[in-house]
Amino acid sequence: MTPTAAPLRPIAGFEATAYAWRGSEIVWTGEHGQTEHPRHASRPWRAPPLDCDRQRLRAGAGQCLALLGAQNPIPARGLLAWLVGAPLDFPWQAAVPRLDALRQALGHGDLPAFEAAARRVLGLGPGLTPSGDDLLGGVFFVLAHAPLPDWQAALPAVAARLRAACAGATNAISAALLADLMAGQGYRLLHEFVAALDRGAQSEIVSTALALHRLGASSGADLMAGVLLALSAEPTPPFVS
């Protein structure tokens, strides 16, 4: 006999969204096919393994960065604008030092500085999933599938502390989605974009980037910014600690 799924319960303050509690888990209750994700209530999407090579990913990220901008195929909206050095609208300009600190920590291979900077980015921005959370999610997604050797042992404890910090920094829905990304799970569109970076075919990079770009108000662009940040700001091999 198939067990009956636990009933759905509204999330206080987010009753108008397509998210709900099922037992102790947050699930997405929207139409299947609109957003394929492991948390879909009726038909959760299961990602195939991502077999990535760090150097291929970095090369693909370089191609993608060259295609960003107003005169290029991929618009630089959301935090992609910051990533390519475009000016940000008010009040985002005031947050640039926090974003720059995250990039600097990645570039120096400084894990304690990365954790400190990530705490200052958690919950940053408006929306159901704040842009800061999406940016961090993209970074952690890359680190889950193409880990930095010198960070690999200590990163799970850093991620655990950041998940705990979410309780006071962001909302429950965004915290749940960020935890998924830390574990290397997320939207099908994100998996397809990273796979395209690994393969390095420009037409595929553009098509998957544009598809991800359309996710949410700016969530797709901000996730993409995190992926590209993690791959472009890391120390050039050999890794320097």
C-alpha atoms as a PDB file:
ATOM      1  CA  MET A   1       0.000   0.000   0.000  1.00  0.00           C
ATOM      2  CA  THR A   2       1.402   3.405  -1.003  1.00  0.00           C
ATOM      3  CA  PRO A   3       1.726   5.725   2.007  1.00  0.00           C
ATOM      4  CA  THR A   4      -0.412   8.854   1.893  1.00  0.00           C
ATOM      5  CA  ALA A   5       1.561  12.043   1.495  1.00  0.00           C
ATOM      6  CA  ALA A   6       1.372  14.452   4.396  1.00  0.00           C
ATOM      7  CA  PRO A   7      -1.147  17.260   3.855  1.00  0.00           C
ATOM      8  CA  LEU A   8       0.060  20.624   2.653  1.00  0.00           C
ATOM      9  CA  ARG A   9       0.064  23.523   5.094  1.00  0.00           C
ATOM     10  CA  PRO A  10       0.493  27.219   4.235  1.00  0.00           C
ATOM     11  CA  ILE A  11       3.721  28.976   5.160  1.00  0.00           C
ATOM     12  CA  ALA A  12       2.939  31.883   7.456  1.00  0.00           C
ATOM     13  CA  GLY A  13       3.468  35.146   5.601  1.00  0.00           C
ATOM     14  CA  PHE A  14       3.799  33.372   2.243  1.00  0.00           C
ATOM     15  CA  GLU A  15       0.272  32.040   1.780  1.00  0.00           C
ATOM     16  CA  ALA A  16      -0.045  33.676  -1.649  1.00  0.00           C
ATOM     17  CA  THR A  17       3.029  31.907  -3.038  1.00  0.00           C
ATOM     18  CA  ALA A  18       3.247  28.470  -4.665  1.00  0.00           C
ATOM     19  CA  TYR A  19       5.151  27.109  -1.659  1.00  0.00           C
ATOM     20  CA  ALA A  20       3.788  25.128   1.287  1.00  0.00           C
ATOM     21  CA  TRP A  21       4.865  22.925   4.170  1.00  0.00           C
ATOM     22  CA  ARG A  22       4.586  19.157   3.754  1.00  0.00           C
ATOM     23  CA  GLY A  23       5.511  17.820   7.139  1.00  0.00           C
ATOM     24  CA  SER A  24       8.841  19.503   7.927  1.00  0.00           C
ATOM     25  CA  GLU A  25       9.732  20.081   4.265  1.00  0.00           C
ATOM     26  CA  ILE A  26       8.969  23.046   2.022  1.00  0.00           C
ATOM     27  CA  VAL A  27       7.578  22.032  -1.377  1.00  0.00           C
ATOM     28  CA  TRP A  28       6.607  23.887  -4.538  1.00  0.00           C
ATOM     29  CA  THR A  29       2.983  23.435  -5.586  1.00  0.00           C
ATOM     30  CA  GLY A  30       2.976  25.075  -9.015  1.00  0.00           C
ATOM     31  CA  GLU A  31       2.247  23.388 -12.329  1.00  0.00           C
ATOM     32  CA  HIS A  32       4.629  20.662 -13.446  1.00  0.00           C
ATOM     33  CA  GLY A  33       6.833  21.795 -16.315  1.00  0.00           C
ATOM     34  CA  GLN A  34       6.645  25.451 -15.340  1.00  0.00           C
ATOM     35  CA  THR A  35       9.628  25.046 -13.006  1.00  0.00           C
ATOM     36  CA  GLU A  36      11.338  21.674 -12.735  1.00  0.00           C
ATOM     37  CA  HIS A  37      12.917  21.352  -9.309  1.00  0.00           C
ATOM     38  CA  PRO A  38      13.553  18.631  -6.684  1.00  0.00           C
ATOM     39  CA  ARG A  39      10.999  20.281  -4.365  1.00  0.00           C
ATOM     40  CA  HIS A  40       8.047  19.992  -6.758  1.00  0.00           C
ATOM     41  CA  ALA A  41       5.157  18.655  -4.649  1.00  0.00           C
ATOM     42  CA  SER A  42       3.746  16.133  -7.123  1.00  0.00           C
ATOM     43  CA  ARG A  43       6.556  15.440  -9.608  1.00  0.00           C
ATOM     44  CA  PRO A  44       9.960  16.282  -8.112  1.00  0.00           C
ATOM     45  CA  TRP A  45      12.688  16.591 -10.717  1.00  0.00           C
ATOM     46  CA  ARG A  46      15.706  14.349 -10.161  1.00  0.00           C
ATOM     47  CA  ALA A  47      18.941  15.651 -11.602  1.00  0.00           C
ATOM     48  CA  PRO A  48      21.203  13.292 -13.516  1.00  0.00           C
ATOM     49  CA  PRO A  49      24.826  13.293 -12.306  1.00  0.00           C
ATOM     50  CA  LEU A  50      26.849  16.332 -13.370  1.00  0.00           C
ATOM     51  CA  ASP A  51      30.268  15.075 -14.442  1.00  0.00           C
ATOM     52  CA  CYS A  52      32.208  18.334 -14.533  1.00  0.00           C
ATOM     53  CA  ASP A  53      35.846  19.188 -15.037  1.00  0.00           C
ATOM     54  CA  ARG A  54      36.968  22.365 -13.265  1.00  0.00           C
ATOM     55  CA  GLN A  55      39.180  23.601 -16.073  1.00  0.00           C
ATOM     56  CA  ARG A  56      36.499  23.008 -18.706  1.00  0.00           C
ATOM     57  CA  LEU A  57      34.009  24.855 -16.485  1.00  0.00           C
ATOM     58  CA  ARG A  58      36.373  27.801 -16.132  1.00  0.00           C
ATOM     59  CA  ALA A  59      36.860  27.954 -19.896  1.00  0.00           C
ATOM     60  CA  GLY A  60      33.086  27.820 -20.427  1.00  0.00           C
ATOM     61  CA  ALA A  61      32.577  30.549 -17.833  1.00  0.00           C
ATOM     62  CA  GLY A  62      35.083  32.722 -19.687  1.00  0.00           C
ATOM     63  CA  GLN A  63      33.111  32.254 -22.887  1.00  0.00           C
ATOM     64  CA  CYS A  64      29.882  33.151 -21.111  1.00  0.00           C
ATOM     65  CA  LEU A  65      31.327  36.284 -19.507  1.00  0.00           C
ATOM     66  CA  ALA A  66      32.434  37.482 -22.951  1.00  0.00           C
ATOM     67  CA  LEU A  67      28.828  37.139 -24.146  1.00  0.00           C
ATOM     68  CA  LEU A  68      27.296  39.274 -21.364  1.00  0.00           C
ATOM     69  CA  GLY A  69      26.190  42.868 -21.800  1.00  0.00           C
ATOM     70  CA  ALA A  70      23.904  45.245 -23.618  1.00  0.00           C
ATOM     71  CA  GLN A  71      25.446  44.646 -27.052  1.00  0.00           C
ATOM     72  CA  ASN A  72      25.884  40.907 -26.485  1.00  0.00           C
ATOM     73  CA  PRO A  73      23.520  37.910 -26.648  1.00  0.00           C
ATOM     74  CA  ILE A  74      23.042  37.569 -22.856  1.00  0.00           C
ATOM     75  CA  PRO A  75      21.674  40.609 -20.979  1.00  0.00           C
ATOM     76  CA  ALA A  76      23.604  41.540 -17.829  1.00  0.00           C
ATOM     77  CA  ARG A  77      20.699  42.109 -15.467  1.00  0.00           C
ATOM     78  CA  GLY A  78      20.484  41.496 -11.750  1.00  0.00           C
ATOM     79  CA  LEU A  79      23.862  40.805 -10.175  1.00  0.00           C
ATOM     80  CA  LEU A  80      25.307  39.911 -13.561  1.00  0.00           C
ATOM     81  CA  ALA A  81      25.641  43.673 -14.009  1.00  0.00           C
ATOM     82  CA  TRP A  82      27.895  43.875 -10.945  1.00  0.00           C
ATOM     83  CA  LEU A  83      29.901  40.905 -12.176  1.00  0.00           C
ATOM     84  CA  VAL A  84      30.794  42.650 -15.446  1.00  0.00           C
ATOM     85  CA  GLY A  85      31.454  46.006 -13.793  1.00  0.00           C
ATOM     86  CA  ALA A  86      28.284  47.810 -14.868  1.00  0.00           C
ATOM     87  CA  PRO A  87      26.846  50.413 -12.464  1.00  0.00           C
ATOM     88  CA  LEU A  88      24.046  49.172 -10.202  1.00  0.00           C
ATOM     89  CA  ASP A  89      20.866  51.086  -9.480  1.00  0.00           C
ATOM     90  CA  PHE A  90      20.096  52.527  -6.043  1.00  0.00           C
ATOM     91  CA  PRO A  91      20.152  51.039  -3.433  1.00  0.00           C
ATOM     92  CA  TRP A  92      22.317  48.223  -4.801  1.00  0.00           C
ATOM     93  CA  GLN A  93      25.357  50.471  -5.254  1.00  0.00           C
ATOM     94  CA  ALA A  94      25.702  50.621  -1.462  1.00  0.00           C
ATOM     95  CA  ALA A  95      26.005  46.821  -1.379  1.00  0.00           C
ATOM     96  CA  VAL A  96      28.902  46.650  -3.858  1.00  0.00           C
ATOM     97  CA  PRO A  97      31.583  46.480  -1.102  1.00  0.00           C
ATOM     98  CA  ARG A  98      29.886  43.362   0.313  1.00  0.00           C
ATOM     99  CA  LEU A  99      29.814  41.725  -3.105  1.00  0.00           C
ATOM    100  CA  ASP A 100      33.404  42.741  -3.794  1.00  0.00           C
ATOM    101  CA  ALA A 101      34.495  41.191  -0.474  1.00  0.00           C
ATOM    102  CA  LEU A 102      32.964  37.882  -1.558  1.00  0.00           C
ATOM    103  CA  ARG A 103      34.805  38.024  -4.889  1.00  0.00           C
ATOM    104  CA  GLN A 104      38.070  38.954  -3.174  1.00  0.00           C
ATOM    105  CA  ALA A 105      37.788  36.045  -0.711  1.00  0.00           C
ATOM    106  CA  LEU A 106      37.232  33.608  -3.569  1.00  0.00           C
ATOM    107  CA  GLY A 107      40.095  35.109  -5.535  1.00  0.00           C
ATOM    108  CA  HIS A 108      42.481  34.792  -2.587  1.00  0.00           C
ATOM    109  CA  GLY A 109      41.312  31.315  -1.636  1.00  0.00           C
ATOM    110  CA  ASP A 110      40.554  32.669   1.858  1.00  0.00           C
ATOM    111  CA  LEU A 111      37.809  30.478   3.337  1.00  0.00           C
ATOM    112  CA  PRO A 112      37.350  32.398   6.647  1.00  0.00           C
ATOM    113  CA  ALA A 113      37.014  35.650   4.672  1.00  0.00           C
ATOM    114  CA  PHE A 114      34.587  33.913   2.300  1.00  0.00           C
ATOM    115  CA  GLU A 115      32.389  32.831   5.211  1.00  0.00           C
ATOM    116  CA  ALA A 116      32.435  36.332   6.709  1.00  0.00           C
ATOM    117  CA  ALA A 117      31.549  37.909   3.363  1.00  0.00           C
ATOM    118  CA  ALA A 118      28.813  35.336   2.700  1.00  0.00           C
ATOM    119  CA  ARG A 119      27.151  36.207   6.017  1.00  0.00           C
ATOM    120  CA  ARG A 120      26.946  39.836   4.897  1.00  0.00           C
ATOM    121  CA  VAL A 121      25.367  38.814   1.582  1.00  0.00           C
ATOM    122  CA  LEU A 122      22.741  36.456   3.064  1.00  0.00           C
ATOM    123  CA  GLY A 123      19.238  37.908   2.684  1.00  0.00           C
ATOM    124  CA  LEU A 124      20.500  40.878   0.660  1.00  0.00           C
ATOM    125  CA  GLY A 125      17.858  42.324  -1.625  1.00  0.00           C
ATOM    126  CA  PRO A 126      14.079  42.101  -2.001  1.00  0.00           C
ATOM    127  CA  GLY A 127      11.964  39.235  -3.262  1.00  0.00           C
ATOM    128  CA  LEU A 128      10.978  35.724  -2.297  1.00  0.00           C
ATOM    129  CA  THR A 129      14.561  34.595  -2.839  1.00  0.00           C
ATOM    130  CA  PRO A 130      16.758  37.644  -2.222  1.00  0.00           C
ATOM    131  CA  SER A 131      19.467  38.246  -4.789  1.00  0.00           C
ATOM    132  CA  GLY A 132      22.221  37.691  -2.237  1.00  0.00           C
ATOM    133  CA  ASP A 133      20.883  34.208  -1.480  1.00  0.00           C
ATOM    134  CA  ASP A 134      20.683  33.334  -5.180  1.00  0.00           C
ATOM    135  CA  LEU A 135      24.241  34.573  -5.735  1.00  0.00           C
ATOM    136  CA  LEU A 136      25.537  32.446  -2.859  1.00  0.00           C
ATOM    137  CA  GLY A 137      23.488  29.510  -4.136  1.00  0.00           C
ATOM    138  CA  GLY A 138      25.212  29.703  -7.513  1.00  0.00           C
ATOM    139  CA  VAL A 139      28.638  29.812  -5.845  1.00  0.00           C
ATOM    140  CA  PHE A 140      27.893  26.820  -3.620  1.00  0.00           C
ATOM    141  CA  PHE A 141      26.365  24.874  -6.514  1.00  0.00           C
ATOM    142  CA  VAL A 142      29.692  25.109  -8.338  1.00  0.00           C
ATOM    143  CA  LEU A 143      31.650  24.193  -5.195  1.00  0.00           C
ATOM    144  CA  ALA A 144      29.424  21.117  -4.771  1.00  0.00           C
ATOM    145  CA  HIS A 145      30.109  19.823  -8.281  1.00  0.00           C
ATOM    146  CA  ALA A 146      33.665  21.072  -8.787  1.00  0.00           C
ATOM    147  CA  PRO A 147      35.138  21.478  -5.296  1.00  0.00           C
ATOM    148  CA  LEU A 148      38.241  23.473  -4.489  1.00  0.00           C
ATOM    149  CA  PRO A 149      40.709  20.922  -3.046  1.00  0.00           C
ATOM    150  CA  ASP A 150      41.984  23.205  -0.279  1.00  0.00           C
ATOM    151  CA  TRP A 151      38.427  24.029   0.828  1.00  0.00           C
ATOM    152  CA  GLN A 152      36.886  20.598   0.486  1.00  0.00           C
ATOM    153  CA  ALA A 153      37.405  19.377   4.069  1.00  0.00           C
ATOM    154  CA  ALA A 154      36.289  22.568   5.824  1.00  0.00           C
ATOM    155  CA  LEU A 155      33.515  23.738   3.482  1.00  0.00           C
ATOM    156  CA  PRO A 156      30.710  21.502   4.895  1.00  0.00           C
ATOM    157  CA  ALA A 157      31.108  23.122   8.331  1.00  0.00           C
ATOM    158  CA  VAL A 158      31.054  26.581   6.724  1.00  0.00           C
ATOM    159  CA  ALA A 159      27.880  25.665   4.826  1.00  0.00           C
ATOM    160  CA  ALA A 160      26.274  24.350   8.032  1.00  0.00           C
ATOM    161  CA  ARG A 161      27.000  27.596   9.863  1.00  0.00           C
ATOM    162  CA  LEU A 162      25.585  29.632   6.991  1.00  0.00           C
ATOM    163  CA  ARG A 163      22.427  27.475   6.932  1.00  0.00           C
ATOM    164  CA  ALA A 164      22.024  28.170  10.641  1.00  0.00           C
ATOM    165  CA  ALA A 165      22.547  31.891  10.021  1.00  0.00           C
ATOM    166  CA  CYS A 166      19.691  31.855   7.486  1.00  0.00           C
ATOM    167  CA  ALA A 167      17.169  31.742  10.338  1.00  0.00           C
ATOM    168  CA  GLY A 168      17.920  35.350  11.204  1.00  0.00           C
ATOM    169  CA  ALA A 169      18.968  36.611   7.783  1.00  0.00           C
ATOM    170  CA  THR A 170      16.416  35.399   5.234  1.00  0.00           C
ATOM    171  CA  ASN A 171      13.035  33.695   4.897  1.00  0.00           C
ATOM    172  CA  ALA A 172      12.311  29.973   5.229  1.00  0.00           C
ATOM    173  CA  ILE A 173      11.673  29.415   1.513  1.00  0.00           C
ATOM    174  CA  SER A 174      14.915  31.025   0.397  1.00  0.00           C
ATOM    175  CA  ALA A 175      16.814  29.197   3.154  1.00  0.00           C
ATOM    176  CA  ALA A 176      15.456  25.839   1.930  1.00  0.00           C
ATOM    177  CA  LEU A 177      16.376  26.544  -1.695  1.00  0.00           C
ATOM    178  CA  LEU A 178      19.843  27.715  -0.658  1.00  0.00           C
ATOM    179  CA  ALA A 179      20.359  24.492   1.311  1.00  0.00           C
ATOM    180  CA  ASP A 180      19.484  22.521  -1.838  1.00  0.00           C
ATOM    181  CA  LEU A 181      22.034  24.470  -3.860  1.00  0.00           C
ATOM    182  CA  MET A 182      24.683  23.869  -1.212  1.00  0.00           C
ATOM    183  CA  ALA A 183      24.011  20.155  -1.714  1.00  0.00           C
ATOM    184  CA  GLY A 184      24.386  20.511  -5.497  1.00  0.00           C
ATOM    185  CA  GLN A 185      20.654  20.346  -6.252  1.00  0.00           C
ATOM    186  CA  GLY A 186      18.556  23.005  -7.939  1.00  0.00           C
ATOM    187  CA  TYR A 187      16.459  23.977 -10.923  1.00  0.00           C
ATOM    188  CA  ARG A 188      16.836  21.888 -14.062  1.00  0.00           C
ATOM    189  CA  LEU A 189      17.681  25.115 -15.902  1.00  0.00           C
ATOM    190  CA  LEU A 190      20.685  25.633 -13.617  1.00  0.00           C
ATOM    191  CA  HIS A 191      21.951  22.081 -14.101  1.00  0.00           C
ATOM    192  CA  GLU A 192      21.632  22.478 -17.869  1.00  0.00           C
ATOM    193  CA  PHE A 193      23.516  25.785 -17.841  1.00  0.00           C
ATOM    194  CA  VAL A 194      26.444  24.347 -15.869  1.00  0.00           C
ATOM    195  CA  ALA A 195      26.521  21.279 -18.119  1.00  0.00           C
ATOM    196  CA  ALA A 196      26.684  23.617 -21.134  1.00  0.00           C
ATOM    197  CA  LEU A 197      29.628  25.488 -19.588  1.00  0.00           C
ATOM    198  CA  ASP A 198      31.405  22.162 -19.136  1.00  0.00           C
ATOM    199  CA  ARG A 199      30.826  21.196 -22.778  1.00  0.00           C
ATOM    200  CA  GLY A 200      31.961  24.614 -23.997  1.00  0.00           C
ATOM    201  CA  ALA A 201      29.695  24.908 -27.059  1.00  0.00           C
ATOM    202  CA  GLN A 202      28.886  28.622 -27.453  1.00  0.00           C
ATOM    203  CA  SER A 203      25.399  28.152 -28.909  1.00  0.00           C
ATOM    204  CA  GLU A 204      24.452  25.869 -26.018  1.00  0.00           C
ATOM    205  CA  ILE A 205      25.914  28.266 -23.457  1.00  0.00           C
ATOM    206  CA  VAL A 206      23.800  31.086 -24.896  1.00  0.00           C
ATOM    207  CA  SER A 207      20.570  29.067 -25.126  1.00  0.00           C
ATOM    208  CA  THR A 208      20.811  27.658 -21.585  1.00  0.00           C
ATOM    209  CA  ALA A 209      21.880  31.039 -20.170  1.00  0.00           C
ATOM    210  CA  LEU A 210      18.867  32.754 -21.751  1.00  0.00           C
ATOM    211  CA  ALA A 211      16.536  30.047 -20.422  1.00  0.00           C
ATOM    212  CA  LEU A 212      17.972  30.421 -16.905  1.00  0.00           C
ATOM    213  CA  HIS A 213      17.812  34.200 -17.290  1.00  0.00           C
ATOM    214  CA  ARG A 214      14.008  33.986 -17.512  1.00  0.00           C
ATOM    215  CA  LEU A 215      13.664  32.293 -14.112  1.00  0.00           C
ATOM    216  CA  GLY A 216      11.890  34.605 -11.660  1.00  0.00           C
ATOM    217  CA  ALA A 217      12.267  38.362 -11.497  1.00  0.00           C
ATOM    218  CA  SER A 218      16.063  38.097 -11.286  1.00  0.00           C
ATOM    219  CA  SER A 219      16.708  34.716  -9.608  1.00  0.00           C
ATOM    220  CA  GLY A 220      18.037  33.075 -12.754  1.00  0.00           C
ATOM    221  CA  ALA A 221      20.401  35.950 -13.499  1.00  0.00           C
ATOM    222  CA  ASP A 222      21.611  36.038  -9.896  1.00  0.00           C
ATOM    223  CA  LEU A 223      22.178  32.259  -9.806  1.00  0.00           C
ATOM    224  CA  MET A 224      24.122  32.605 -13.052  1.00  0.00           C
ATOM    225  CA  ALA A 225      26.181  35.410 -11.519  1.00  0.00           C
ATOM    226  CA  GLY A 226      27.089  33.120  -8.606  1.00  0.00           C
ATOM    227  CA  VAL A 227      28.151  30.311 -10.933  1.00  0.00           C
ATOM    228  CA  LEU A 228      30.308  32.630 -13.035  1.00  0.00           C
ATOM    229  CA  LEU A 229      31.740  34.313  -9.928  1.00  0.00           C
ATOM    230  CA  ALA A 230      32.822  30.973  -8.460  1.00  0.00           C
ATOM    231  CA  LEU A 231      34.537  30.039 -11.719  1.00  0.00           C
ATOM    232  CA  SER A 232      36.118  33.390 -12.609  1.00  0.00           C
ATOM    233  CA  ALA A 233      37.241  34.682  -9.199  1.00  0.00           C
ATOM    234  CA  GLU A 234      38.946  31.508  -7.953  1.00  0.00           C
ATOM    235  CA  PRO A 235      42.743  31.437  -7.734  1.00  0.00           C
ATOM    236  CA  THR A 236      44.491  30.435 -10.932  1.00  0.00           C
ATOM    237  CA  PRO A 237      45.992  26.929 -10.551  1.00  0.00           C
ATOM    238  CA  PRO A 238      48.115  25.940  -8.803  1.00  0.00           C
ATOM    239  CA  PHE A 239      45.794  26.779  -5.889  1.00  0.00           C
ATOM    240  CA  VAL A 240      47.263  29.235  -3.400  1.00  0.00           C
ATOM    241  CA  SER A 241      45.958  29.055   0.163  1.00  0.00           C
END
